[in-house]
Amino acid sequence: MAEHRIGILVSLFLLDVLLLDAAKILTLSTAGGSHFMVMSRVSQILQDHGHNVTNLLNEKLIILDFKEKISYEVINWHLSEDELKETDNRRQLLCEDIVHRSNHHTNIKMFEYFADLCSHLLSRNDIMDSLRNKKFDLLFLDVTDPCVFLIAEKLGKQFVAFLPSLFSIIDYGLPNPLSFVPGFGSILNDQMDFWARVKNFLMFLDSSMKKREIFSQYDSTIQQHFAEGFRPVLSDLPRKAELWFVSSDFALDFPHPVLPNTIYVGGLMDKPVRPIPQDLEDFIIKFGDSGFVLVALGSLATQYQTKELIKEMNSAFARLSQGVLWACKDALWPQDVRMAPNVKIMDWLPQTDLLAHPRIRLFVTHGGTNSLMEAIQHGVPMVGIPFFLDQPKNMVLVEAKKIGVSVQLETLKAETFALTLKEVIEDKSFRGLVHDHHGGDCVCSMKMEQ
């Protein structure tokens, strides 16, 4: 399993390089949300393998209902009340922009926000001194936010890098032949004709400029917190990583060259399946062999989805014979929208356990990497509604592998959405992906193991 691989590989690295049986490791993710979930999982895996793990966290900035038990140490840093109020206001406006109008401008605003938080953290001498005094042997960094490289540079420690999705603005030295490796933002697959390769080349030039602009958001942070003559070049810092862990699997990703220090560890969030709560089981049973559809669009999209989107999706679900379990907060449901009789909404759903249920027929997802890995693990076909960042590219992969289809948020209408849902549920080419009713292994999982 991926979690054992990651623990064993880091342990071997520490034994080889540091000559220690148990190491002091700092795990760090400054992006929040699902990134914290993955880093918490990594932290617990390393702790369970005998290391002394500390996680740096700002829990006030996490939009997440996290319920897992942990045994590793947590250092919680806080903004002042005024800074927190200002940050909350900025974050809410930013999240709405990202969900509703995702483009390069909103990406720049997002990394400008990250850079300001980075400056706040680096200015906290009490936190930085506390981290120095712990004398960590290794840092384990979620590289979604480039701030983690600046923290590693400040602490002067070696680190391993963790890429929690297939998307990245980080260039970590992998060769990416444009003839068959789709570039950042291209939304292409690996089967490119001449004109697709021309587009891929042009998108490579465009994305290179965009990446430089994103990195430039950290220029003032570097100038403020590093002395002249010792200021690092942010784009050079990823090359210092001893290892790169990628939270994906070759079964999903397109073929591309991989260096020896790049290790795929997709499936980290996989956990033993538990029985679902009785109220959910009672709801599913009502629909008999028709089964049910699971809908989970991620914490960010769920919080900021529009009334119009809820209305169109609800109308589409009303046309299905399946029951629909939908992760949607009751407080956000529009009062003038009558909920379809086959729909049940809940603030939180046990996603992994429901994906493993023998009567599931379809997963409606935002296309986040964690969700895709879980759906593939349990062989559940998908209809994706990608919102931003890595999600459009993830759904290109899903379509290329013929394990689901993608629906564009801007064009989602009840009638066509319902037809898409029915087609995926009824299409024989997808039907083989779903568990048999005896809880056997799914075809998709067996393909991944071959």
Protein backbone atom coordinates (compact mmCIF):
# COMPACT_ATOMS: atom_id res chain seq x y z
CA MET A 1 0.00 0.00 0.00
CA ALA A 2 1.06 3.58 -0.64
CA GLU A 3 1.17 4.51 3.05
CA HIS A 4 3.58 1.69 3.83
CA ARG A 5 5.72 2.65 0.82
CA ILE A 6 6.00 6.25 1.90
CA GLY A 7 6.88 5.33 5.50
CA ILE A 8 9.44 2.72 4.49
CA LEU A 9 11.05 4.93 1.82
CA VAL A 10 11.47 7.88 4.18
CA SER A 11 12.80 5.54 6.87
CA LEU A 12 15.35 4.08 4.46
CA PHE A 13 16.32 7.57 3.33
CA LEU A 14 16.88 8.63 6.94
CA LEU A 15 18.88 5.52 7.74
CA ASP A 16 21.04 5.99 4.67
CA VAL A 17 21.59 9.74 4.90
CA LEU A 18 21.15 10.56 8.57
CA LEU A 19 22.11 7.21 10.14
CA LEU A 20 19.22 7.47 12.59
CA ASP A 21 16.71 4.84 13.67
CA ALA A 22 14.08 7.45 14.48
CA ALA A 23 14.18 10.98 13.13
CA LYS A 24 12.61 14.27 14.11
CA ILE A 25 10.47 15.31 11.16
CA LEU A 26 8.54 18.54 10.54
CA THR A 27 5.55 18.17 8.18
CA LEU A 28 4.21 21.32 6.63
CA SER A 29 1.30 22.31 4.41
CA THR A 30 0.26 25.96 4.24
CA ALA A 31 -2.50 25.52 1.62
CA GLY A 32 -5.23 24.21 3.96
CA GLY A 33 -8.35 22.20 3.12
CA SER A 34 -7.77 18.79 1.52
CA HIS A 35 -4.02 19.49 1.54
CA PHE A 36 -4.11 19.40 5.32
CA MET A 37 -5.98 16.08 5.21
CA VAL A 38 -3.24 14.49 3.11
CA MET A 39 -0.40 15.98 5.17
CA SER A 40 -2.10 14.82 8.36
CA ARG A 41 -2.24 11.33 6.89
CA VAL A 42 1.46 11.50 5.95
CA SER A 43 2.29 12.76 9.45
CA GLN A 44 0.45 9.87 11.06
CA ILE A 45 2.10 7.31 8.74
CA LEU A 46 5.56 8.60 9.65
CA GLN A 47 4.66 8.70 13.35
CA ASP A 48 3.41 5.10 13.15
CA HIS A 49 6.74 4.09 11.58
CA GLY A 50 8.63 5.21 14.67
CA HIS A 51 9.58 8.81 13.85
CA ASN A 52 8.94 11.85 16.02
CA VAL A 53 6.66 14.00 13.88
CA THR A 54 5.63 17.61 14.38
CA ASN A 55 3.10 19.35 12.15
CA LEU A 56 2.95 23.13 11.76
CA LEU A 57 -0.66 24.25 11.44
CA ASN A 58 -2.84 27.35 11.44
CA GLU A 59 -6.18 25.77 12.24
CA LYS A 60 -8.06 29.08 11.85
CA LEU A 61 -7.28 28.99 8.12
CA ILE A 62 -8.49 25.42 7.55
CA ILE A 63 -11.92 25.11 5.91
CA LEU A 64 -12.41 21.54 7.02
CA ASP A 65 -14.39 19.32 9.36
CA PHE A 66 -11.51 17.02 10.30
CA LYS A 67 -12.29 14.10 12.60
CA GLU A 68 -9.28 11.81 12.46
CA LYS A 69 -7.41 10.92 15.65
CA ILE A 70 -3.74 11.86 15.64
CA SER A 71 -0.73 10.97 17.79
CA TYR A 72 1.85 13.35 16.31
CA GLU A 73 2.66 16.77 17.79
CA VAL A 74 1.00 19.91 16.42
CA ILE A 75 2.40 23.43 16.63
CA ASN A 76 -0.45 25.86 16.06
CA TRP A 77 0.38 29.38 14.99
CA HIS A 78 -2.19 32.19 14.97
CA LEU A 79 -2.69 35.56 13.40
CA SER A 80 -3.72 38.49 15.57
CA GLU A 81 -7.46 39.21 15.77
CA ASP A 82 -7.18 42.13 13.33
CA GLU A 83 -5.02 40.12 10.92
CA LEU A 84 -7.37 37.14 11.15
CA LYS A 85 -10.43 39.31 10.43
CA GLU A 86 -8.73 40.87 7.40
CA THR A 87 -7.51 37.47 6.22
CA ASP A 88 -10.97 35.90 6.59
CA ASN A 89 -12.54 38.65 4.49
CA ARG A 90 -9.90 38.25 1.78
CA ARG A 91 -10.23 34.48 1.82
CA GLN A 92 -14.01 34.53 1.41
CA LEU A 93 -13.83 36.92 -1.53
CA LEU A 94 -11.01 34.90 -3.06
CA CYS A 95 -12.83 31.58 -2.65
CA GLU A 96 -15.93 32.98 -4.34
CA ASP A 97 -13.79 34.25 -7.23
CA ILE A 98 -11.99 30.91 -7.60
CA VAL A 99 -15.19 28.86 -7.63
CA HIS A 100 -17.19 31.16 -9.91
CA ARG A 101 -14.55 32.76 -12.16
CA SER A 102 -11.46 30.58 -12.12
CA ASN A 103 -8.78 32.05 -14.41
CA HIS A 104 -5.19 33.23 -14.29
CA HIS A 105 -6.20 36.48 -12.58
CA THR A 106 -7.82 34.58 -9.70
CA ASN A 107 -4.77 32.27 -9.50
CA ILE A 108 -2.54 35.33 -9.11
CA LYS A 109 -4.82 36.65 -6.35
CA MET A 110 -4.67 33.27 -4.63
CA PHE A 111 -0.87 33.15 -4.57
CA GLU A 112 -0.71 36.81 -3.54
CA TYR A 113 -2.85 35.77 -0.57
CA PHE A 114 -0.53 32.81 0.15
CA ALA A 115 2.52 35.09 -0.08
CA ASP A 116 1.04 37.51 2.47
CA LEU A 117 0.35 34.63 4.87
CA CYS A 118 3.91 33.43 4.27
CA SER A 119 5.24 36.84 5.27
CA HIS A 120 3.13 36.73 8.45
CA LEU A 121 4.55 33.33 9.36
CA LEU A 122 8.18 34.21 8.64
CA SER A 123 7.82 37.34 10.79
CA ARG A 124 6.77 35.22 13.78
CA ASN A 125 10.15 34.95 15.50
CA ASP A 126 8.63 32.88 18.31
CA ILE A 127 7.42 30.21 15.87
CA MET A 128 10.55 30.21 13.72
CA ASP A 129 12.83 30.06 16.79
CA SER A 130 10.75 27.20 18.20
CA LEU A 131 11.19 25.27 14.95
CA ARG A 132 14.95 25.91 14.94
CA ASN A 133 15.28 24.78 18.56
CA LYS A 134 13.65 21.45 17.78
CA LYS A 135 16.59 20.62 15.52
CA PHE A 136 14.60 18.66 12.94
CA ASP A 137 16.44 16.05 10.91
CA LEU A 138 14.12 16.38 7.90
CA LEU A 139 11.27 18.53 6.58
CA PHE A 140 8.36 16.99 4.67
CA LEU A 141 6.77 19.72 2.53
CA ASP A 142 3.48 20.01 0.64
CA VAL A 143 4.67 22.17 -2.26
CA THR A 144 1.29 23.55 -3.36
CA ASP A 145 2.28 26.84 -1.75
CA PRO A 146 5.95 27.77 -2.56
CA CYS A 147 6.21 29.35 0.90
CA VAL A 148 7.31 25.98 2.27
CA PHE A 149 10.59 26.26 0.34
CA LEU A 150 11.29 29.62 1.99
CA ILE A 151 10.62 28.11 5.42
CA ALA A 152 13.03 25.25 4.64
CA GLU A 153 15.61 27.79 3.49
CA LYS A 154 15.20 29.78 6.72
CA LEU A 155 15.62 26.65 8.84
CA GLY A 156 18.54 25.41 6.74
CA LYS A 157 17.30 21.82 6.71
CA GLN A 158 17.19 19.17 4.01
CA PHE A 159 13.71 18.23 2.86
CA VAL A 160 11.59 15.89 0.81
CA ALA A 161 8.80 17.36 -1.29
CA PHE A 162 5.25 16.11 -1.64
CA LEU A 163 3.12 16.95 -4.66
CA PRO A 164 -0.49 16.36 -3.55
CA SER A 165 -2.00 16.54 -7.04
CA LEU A 166 -1.18 16.10 -10.71
CA PHE A 167 -1.22 19.89 -11.08
CA SER A 168 1.78 21.98 -10.15
CA ILE A 169 3.34 25.35 -10.86
CA ILE A 170 6.55 23.81 -9.52
CA ASP A 171 9.24 22.72 -11.98
CA TYR A 172 11.18 20.01 -10.18
CA GLY A 173 13.41 18.92 -13.02
CA LEU A 174 11.34 16.29 -14.81
CA PRO A 175 11.83 16.25 -18.58
CA ASN A 176 8.48 16.95 -20.25
CA PRO A 177 8.66 16.23 -24.00
CA LEU A 178 5.97 18.41 -25.56
CA SER A 179 5.30 15.82 -28.26
CA PHE A 180 3.41 13.57 -25.86
CA VAL A 181 3.36 15.18 -22.37
CA PRO A 182 0.44 17.64 -22.04
CA GLY A 183 1.60 20.99 -20.67
CA PHE A 184 0.23 22.95 -17.72
CA GLY A 185 -3.18 24.40 -18.61
CA SER A 186 -3.38 22.76 -22.05
CA ILE A 187 -6.29 20.40 -21.22
CA LEU A 188 -4.87 17.97 -23.79
CA ASN A 189 -4.39 14.22 -23.54
CA ASP A 190 -1.31 12.28 -24.62
CA GLN A 191 -2.72 11.40 -28.07
CA MET A 192 -1.74 14.60 -29.91
CA ASP A 193 -1.80 15.24 -33.63
CA PHE A 194 0.28 18.01 -35.24
CA TRP A 195 -2.05 20.88 -34.34
CA ALA A 196 -2.48 19.60 -30.79
CA ARG A 197 1.31 19.62 -30.44
CA VAL A 198 1.39 23.18 -31.77
CA LYS A 199 -1.17 24.12 -29.12
CA ASN A 200 0.85 22.28 -26.47
CA PHE A 201 3.98 24.25 -27.42
CA LEU A 202 2.13 27.58 -27.31
CA MET A 203 0.55 26.66 -23.98
CA PHE A 204 4.02 25.78 -22.67
CA LEU A 205 5.23 29.30 -23.52
CA ASP A 206 2.11 30.83 -21.99
CA SER A 207 2.29 28.74 -18.81
CA SER A 208 6.01 29.54 -18.38
CA MET A 209 5.16 33.25 -18.24
CA LYS A 210 2.24 32.61 -15.90
CA LYS A 211 4.41 30.54 -13.56
CA ARG A 212 6.99 33.33 -13.41
CA GLU A 213 4.23 35.79 -12.56
CA ILE A 214 2.96 33.51 -9.78
CA PHE A 215 6.46 33.15 -8.31
CA SER A 216 6.91 36.93 -8.45
CA GLN A 217 4.15 37.28 -5.82
CA TYR A 218 6.76 36.11 -3.28
CA ASP A 219 9.40 38.70 -4.26
CA SER A 220 8.49 41.17 -1.51
CA THR A 221 8.36 38.34 1.07
CA ILE A 222 11.90 37.26 0.09
CA GLN A 223 13.19 40.85 0.20
CA GLN A 224 11.64 41.40 3.62
CA HIS A 225 12.84 38.21 5.31
CA PHE A 226 16.20 37.45 3.69
CA ALA A 227 19.26 39.68 3.91
CA GLU A 228 20.73 41.18 0.77
CA GLY A 229 23.28 38.81 -0.71
CA PHE A 230 21.50 35.80 0.81
CA ARG A 231 18.16 36.08 -1.00
CA PRO A 232 17.24 32.78 -2.65
CA VAL A 233 15.82 32.42 -6.16
CA LEU A 234 12.47 30.79 -5.43
CA SER A 235 12.34 28.85 -8.71
CA ASP A 236 15.71 27.20 -7.84
CA LEU A 237 14.67 25.90 -4.41
CA PRO A 238 12.59 22.89 -5.57
CA ARG A 239 15.77 21.37 -7.04
CA LYS A 240 17.11 20.98 -3.49
CA ALA A 241 14.56 18.29 -2.62
CA GLU A 242 16.10 14.91 -1.76
CA LEU A 243 12.97 13.02 -2.85
CA TRP A 244 9.72 13.86 -4.61
CA PHE A 245 6.54 12.01 -3.65
CA VAL A 246 3.61 12.36 -6.08
CA SER A 247 0.11 11.58 -4.86
CA SER A 248 -0.99 9.80 -8.02
CA ASP A 249 -0.76 6.44 -9.74
CA PHE A 250 0.56 5.41 -13.15
CA ALA A 251 -2.84 3.85 -13.81
CA LEU A 252 -4.34 7.36 -13.93
CA ASP A 253 -1.51 9.62 -15.08
CA PHE A 254 -0.33 9.97 -18.69
CA PRO A 255 3.07 8.41 -19.51
CA HIS A 256 6.03 10.72 -19.00
CA PRO A 257 9.71 10.45 -18.01
CA VAL A 258 10.37 10.07 -14.28
CA LEU A 259 13.65 10.64 -12.45
CA PRO A 260 14.95 8.16 -9.83
CA ASN A 261 14.05 10.51 -6.94
CA THR A 262 10.38 10.71 -8.02
CA ILE A 263 8.10 8.19 -6.32
CA TYR A 264 4.36 7.73 -6.95
CA VAL A 265 2.35 7.15 -3.77
CA GLY A 266 -1.26 7.46 -4.94
CA GLY A 267 -3.90 6.11 -2.56
CA LEU A 268 -2.55 7.55 0.69
CA MET A 269 -6.08 8.36 1.87
CA ASP A 270 -7.23 4.77 1.45
CA LYS A 271 -8.57 3.42 4.75
CA PRO A 272 -10.36 0.27 5.88
CA VAL A 273 -14.03 0.40 4.92
CA ARG A 274 -16.45 0.86 7.80
CA PRO A 275 -20.21 0.26 7.92
CA ILE A 276 -22.16 3.38 6.99
CA PRO A 277 -24.59 4.97 9.49
CA GLN A 278 -28.00 3.30 9.66
CA ASP A 279 -29.90 6.37 8.40
CA LEU A 280 -27.87 6.31 5.19
CA GLU A 281 -28.35 2.56 4.80
CA ASP A 282 -32.11 2.99 5.26
CA PHE A 283 -32.14 5.69 2.56
CA ILE A 284 -30.18 3.53 0.10
CA ILE A 285 -32.39 0.47 0.67
CA LYS A 286 -35.47 2.45 -0.44
CA PHE A 287 -34.16 2.50 -4.01
CA GLY A 288 -33.49 -1.23 -4.25
CA ASP A 289 -31.43 -2.42 -7.20
CA SER A 290 -31.46 1.06 -8.76
CA GLY A 291 -28.83 1.98 -6.19
CA PHE A 292 -27.64 5.46 -5.40
CA VAL A 293 -25.48 8.32 -6.65
CA LEU A 294 -22.93 10.01 -4.39
CA VAL A 295 -22.36 13.76 -4.89
CA ALA A 296 -19.37 15.48 -3.25
CA LEU A 297 -17.84 18.59 -4.79
CA GLY A 298 -15.12 19.31 -2.24
CA SER A 299 -15.12 21.65 0.73
CA LEU A 300 -14.48 24.85 -1.23
CA ALA A 301 -17.03 24.36 -4.01
CA THR A 302 -19.62 23.04 -1.53
CA GLN A 303 -19.33 26.19 0.54
CA TYR A 304 -19.55 28.63 -2.39
CA GLN A 305 -21.76 26.87 -4.94
CA THR A 306 -24.41 29.19 -6.37
CA LYS A 307 -28.17 28.96 -6.05
CA GLU A 308 -28.37 28.45 -9.82
CA LEU A 309 -26.00 25.46 -9.69
CA ILE A 310 -27.92 23.85 -6.82
CA LYS A 311 -31.19 24.39 -8.68
CA GLU A 312 -29.96 22.82 -11.93
CA MET A 313 -28.31 19.85 -10.22
CA ASN A 314 -31.36 19.21 -8.01
CA SER A 315 -33.63 19.29 -11.06
CA ALA A 316 -31.37 16.82 -12.85
CA PHE A 317 -31.27 14.44 -9.88
CA ALA A 318 -35.09 14.45 -9.74
CA ARG A 319 -35.10 12.71 -13.15
CA LEU A 320 -33.05 9.74 -11.89
CA SER A 321 -34.42 6.44 -10.54
CA GLN A 322 -31.48 6.27 -8.12
CA GLY A 323 -31.31 7.85 -4.70
CA VAL A 324 -28.88 10.76 -4.40
CA LEU A 325 -26.69 11.37 -1.35
CA TRP A 326 -25.35 14.91 -1.65
CA ALA A 327 -22.72 16.59 0.53
CA CYS A 328 -24.37 20.00 0.78
CA LYS A 329 -24.82 22.07 3.91
CA ASP A 330 -28.48 22.54 4.87
CA ALA A 331 -27.82 26.19 5.73
CA LEU A 332 -26.71 26.84 2.13
CA TRP A 333 -29.78 25.27 0.49
CA PRO A 334 -31.93 27.98 -1.21
CA GLN A 335 -35.27 28.30 0.55
CA ASP A 336 -37.20 28.67 -2.71
CA VAL A 337 -35.78 25.45 -4.23
CA ARG A 338 -37.84 22.36 -3.44
CA MET A 339 -35.58 19.40 -2.81
CA ALA A 340 -36.15 16.43 -5.11
CA PRO A 341 -37.81 13.47 -3.30
CA ASN A 342 -34.90 11.14 -4.12
CA VAL A 343 -32.28 13.54 -2.73
CA LYS A 344 -30.81 13.54 0.78
CA ILE A 345 -28.35 16.30 1.71
CA MET A 346 -25.93 16.21 4.62
CA ASP A 347 -23.20 18.52 5.90
CA TRP A 348 -20.74 15.63 5.87
CA LEU A 349 -20.77 12.16 4.30
CA PRO A 350 -18.42 9.17 4.84
CA GLN A 351 -17.16 9.36 1.26
CA THR A 352 -14.79 6.38 1.28
CA ASP A 353 -17.32 4.07 2.91
CA LEU A 354 -20.07 5.10 0.48
CA LEU A 355 -17.77 4.60 -2.54
CA ALA A 356 -17.21 1.04 -1.30
CA HIS A 357 -20.95 0.33 -0.97
CA PRO A 358 -22.19 -2.41 -3.36
CA ARG A 359 -25.21 -0.33 -4.45
CA ILE A 360 -23.33 2.77 -5.58
CA ARG A 361 -23.83 3.49 -9.27
CA LEU A 362 -22.07 6.82 -9.84
CA PHE A 363 -19.87 9.42 -8.18
CA VAL A 364 -20.43 13.11 -9.03
CA THR A 365 -17.19 14.84 -8.10
CA HIS A 366 -15.28 18.11 -8.52
CA GLY A 367 -12.30 16.12 -9.78
CA GLY A 368 -9.97 16.60 -6.81
CA THR A 369 -7.07 14.14 -6.71
CA ASN A 370 -8.06 12.55 -3.39
CA SER A 371 -11.59 11.90 -4.65
CA LEU A 372 -10.36 10.43 -7.93
CA MET A 373 -7.98 8.07 -6.15
CA GLU A 374 -10.77 6.85 -3.85
CA ALA A 375 -13.20 6.34 -6.74
CA ILE A 376 -10.59 4.39 -8.72
CA GLN A 377 -9.73 2.30 -5.67
CA HIS A 378 -13.38 1.21 -5.42
CA GLY A 379 -14.09 1.07 -9.16
CA VAL A 380 -16.84 3.71 -9.27
CA PRO A 381 -17.46 5.59 -12.56
CA MET A 382 -17.49 9.38 -12.33
CA VAL A 383 -19.15 12.47 -13.70
CA GLY A 384 -16.86 15.40 -12.95
CA ILE A 385 -17.69 19.09 -12.58
CA PRO A 386 -14.21 20.64 -12.44
CA PHE A 387 -13.98 24.10 -10.86
CA PHE A 388 -10.33 25.22 -10.83
CA LEU A 389 -6.57 24.45 -10.70
CA ASP A 390 -5.83 20.73 -11.15
CA GLN A 391 -9.46 19.62 -11.52
CA PRO A 392 -9.92 20.24 -15.30
CA LYS A 393 -6.71 18.33 -16.07
CA ASN A 394 -7.71 15.55 -13.69
CA MET A 395 -10.98 15.10 -15.55
CA VAL A 396 -9.12 14.98 -18.89
CA LEU A 397 -7.28 11.99 -17.43
CA VAL A 398 -10.55 10.41 -16.25
CA GLU A 399 -12.07 10.74 -19.72
CA ALA A 400 -8.93 9.45 -21.45
CA LYS A 401 -8.93 6.37 -19.21
CA LYS A 402 -12.67 5.88 -19.92
CA ILE A 403 -13.64 5.82 -16.25
CA GLY A 404 -15.90 8.86 -16.37
CA VAL A 405 -16.92 12.01 -18.21
CA SER A 406 -16.61 15.72 -17.56
CA VAL A 407 -19.30 18.41 -17.50
CA GLN A 408 -18.40 22.08 -17.79
CA LEU A 409 -19.65 24.21 -14.92
CA GLU A 410 -20.54 27.14 -17.21
CA THR A 411 -22.85 25.03 -19.39
CA LEU A 412 -24.42 22.77 -16.75
CA LYS A 413 -28.19 22.57 -17.29
CA ALA A 414 -30.64 20.16 -15.70
CA GLU A 415 -31.79 18.34 -18.84
CA THR A 416 -28.38 17.68 -20.39
CA PHE A 417 -26.81 16.97 -17.00
CA ALA A 418 -29.48 14.34 -16.26
CA LEU A 419 -28.85 12.71 -19.66
CA THR A 420 -25.12 12.56 -18.93
CA LEU A 421 -25.73 10.99 -15.52
CA LYS A 422 -28.03 8.34 -17.03
CA GLU A 423 -25.62 7.56 -19.87
CA VAL A 424 -22.73 6.89 -17.49
CA ILE A 425 -24.92 4.83 -15.14
CA GLU A 426 -26.34 2.73 -17.98
CA ASP A 427 -23.35 2.50 -20.35
CA LYS A 428 -21.99 -1.06 -20.33
CA SER A 429 -18.43 0.20 -20.75
CA PHE A 430 -18.70 1.86 -17.34
CA ARG A 431 -20.83 -0.80 -15.71
CA GLY A 432 -17.86 -3.17 -15.36
CA LEU A 433 -16.15 -0.67 -13.10
CA VAL A 434 -18.68 -0.94 -10.31
CA HIS A 435 -18.46 -3.52 -7.52
CA ASP A 436 -20.50 -6.66 -7.88
CA HIS A 437 -23.14 -7.14 -5.23
CA HIS A 438 -21.00 -9.61 -3.32
CA GLY A 439 -18.32 -7.06 -2.48
CA GLY A 440 -15.73 -8.50 -4.87
CA ASP A 441 -12.78 -6.67 -6.35
CA CYS A 442 -13.64 -4.18 -9.05
CA VAL A 443 -12.31 -4.43 -12.58
CA CYS A 444 -10.61 -1.04 -12.29
CA SER A 445 -8.67 -2.06 -9.19
CA MET A 446 -7.53 -5.28 -10.84
CA LYS A 447 -6.33 -3.34 -13.90
CA MET A 448 -4.28 -1.07 -11.69
CA GLU A 449 -2.53 -4.03 -10.09
CA GLN A 450 -1.58 -5.75 -13.33
